[in-house]
Amino acid sequence: MDSIGIEINEYKKLCETVTKVKSVLKDDSCSEHEKLQIINKCVDILEQNLY
């Protein structure tokens, strides 16, 4: 697979992850503290993958 194909697959995975996180954040069964932890973890992961 060429680098463009790899980039497309990574983008698809990112979109799926964002969709899943959005659904968790909209769910009322999570406390605000839990939602904040999820957001912080996502930001950490994004920062690691962007550099």
C-alpha atoms as a PDB file:
ATOM      1  CA  MET A   1       0.000   0.000   0.000  1.00  0.00           C
ATOM      2  CA  ASP A   2       1.378   3.402  -0.895  1.00  0.00           C
ATOM      3  CA  SER A   3       1.664   6.314   1.493  1.00  0.00           C
ATOM      4  CA  ILE A   4      -1.542   7.940   0.223  1.00  0.00           C
ATOM      5  CA  GLY A   5      -3.492   4.744   0.908  1.00  0.00           C
ATOM      6  CA  ILE A   6      -2.041   4.587   4.402  1.00  0.00           C
ATOM      7  CA  GLU A   7      -2.977   8.232   5.020  1.00  0.00           C
ATOM      8  CA  ILE A   8      -6.539   7.581   3.814  1.00  0.00           C
ATOM      9  CA  ASN A   9      -6.880   4.580   6.143  1.00  0.00           C
ATOM     10  CA  GLU A  10      -5.535   6.592   9.078  1.00  0.00           C
ATOM     11  CA  TYR A  11      -8.014   9.382   8.300  1.00  0.00           C
ATOM     12  CA  LYS A  12     -10.879   6.867   8.194  1.00  0.00           C
ATOM     13  CA  LYS A  13      -9.828   5.478  11.589  1.00  0.00           C
ATOM     14  CA  LEU A  14      -9.679   9.005  12.990  1.00  0.00           C
ATOM     15  CA  CYS A  15     -13.186   9.767  11.689  1.00  0.00           C
ATOM     16  CA  GLU A  16     -14.547   6.563  13.246  1.00  0.00           C
ATOM     17  CA  THR A  17     -12.911   7.400  16.562  1.00  0.00           C
ATOM     18  CA  VAL A  18     -14.290  10.943  16.550  1.00  0.00           C
ATOM     19  CA  THR A  19     -17.781   9.596  15.834  1.00  0.00           C
ATOM     20  CA  LYS A  20     -17.521   7.133  18.731  1.00  0.00           C
ATOM     21  CA  VAL A  21     -16.231   9.796  21.110  1.00  0.00           C
ATOM     22  CA  LYS A  22     -19.028  12.168  20.100  1.00  0.00           C
ATOM     23  CA  SER A  23     -21.628   9.519  20.903  1.00  0.00           C
ATOM     24  CA  VAL A  24     -20.053   8.858  24.310  1.00  0.00           C
ATOM     25  CA  LEU A  25     -19.968  12.572  25.099  1.00  0.00           C
ATOM     26  CA  LYS A  26     -23.636  12.941  24.162  1.00  0.00           C
ATOM     27  CA  ASP A  27     -24.572  10.012  26.405  1.00  0.00           C
ATOM     28  CA  ASP A  28     -26.003  11.165  29.721  1.00  0.00           C
ATOM     29  CA  SER A  29     -24.726   8.103  31.585  1.00  0.00           C
ATOM     30  CA  CYS A  30     -21.231   9.650  31.791  1.00  0.00           C
ATOM     31  CA  SER A  31     -20.493  12.254  34.423  1.00  0.00           C
ATOM     32  CA  GLU A  32     -18.986  15.584  33.424  1.00  0.00           C
ATOM     33  CA  HIS A  33     -15.719  14.482  35.042  1.00  0.00           C
ATOM     34  CA  GLU A  34     -15.646  11.290  32.938  1.00  0.00           C
ATOM     35  CA  LYS A  35     -16.374  13.295  29.791  1.00  0.00           C
ATOM     36  CA  LEU A  36     -13.526  15.657  30.607  1.00  0.00           C
ATOM     37  CA  GLN A  37     -11.173  12.699  31.089  1.00  0.00           C
ATOM     38  CA  ILE A  38     -12.206  11.319  27.687  1.00  0.00           C
ATOM     39  CA  ILE A  39     -11.596  14.673  26.007  1.00  0.00           C
ATOM     40  CA  ASN A  40      -8.186  15.043  27.666  1.00  0.00           C
ATOM     41  CA  LYS A  41      -7.168  11.523  26.616  1.00  0.00           C
ATOM     42  CA  CYS A  42      -8.243  12.223  23.030  1.00  0.00           C
ATOM     43  CA  VAL A  43      -6.226  15.439  22.967  1.00  0.00           C
ATOM     44  CA  ASP A  44      -3.170  13.573  24.279  1.00  0.00           C
ATOM     45  CA  ILE A  45      -3.518  10.922  21.571  1.00  0.00           C
ATOM     46  CA  LEU A  46      -3.952  13.533  18.844  1.00  0.00           C
ATOM     47  CA  GLU A  47      -0.897  15.454  20.033  1.00  0.00           C
ATOM     48  CA  GLN A  48       1.204  12.275  19.981  1.00  0.00           C
ATOM     49  CA  ASN A  49       0.125  11.465  16.431  1.00  0.00           C
ATOM     50  CA  LEU A  50       0.518  14.960  15.006  1.00  0.00           C
ATOM     51  CA  TYR A  51       4.208  15.329  15.839  1.00  0.00           C
END
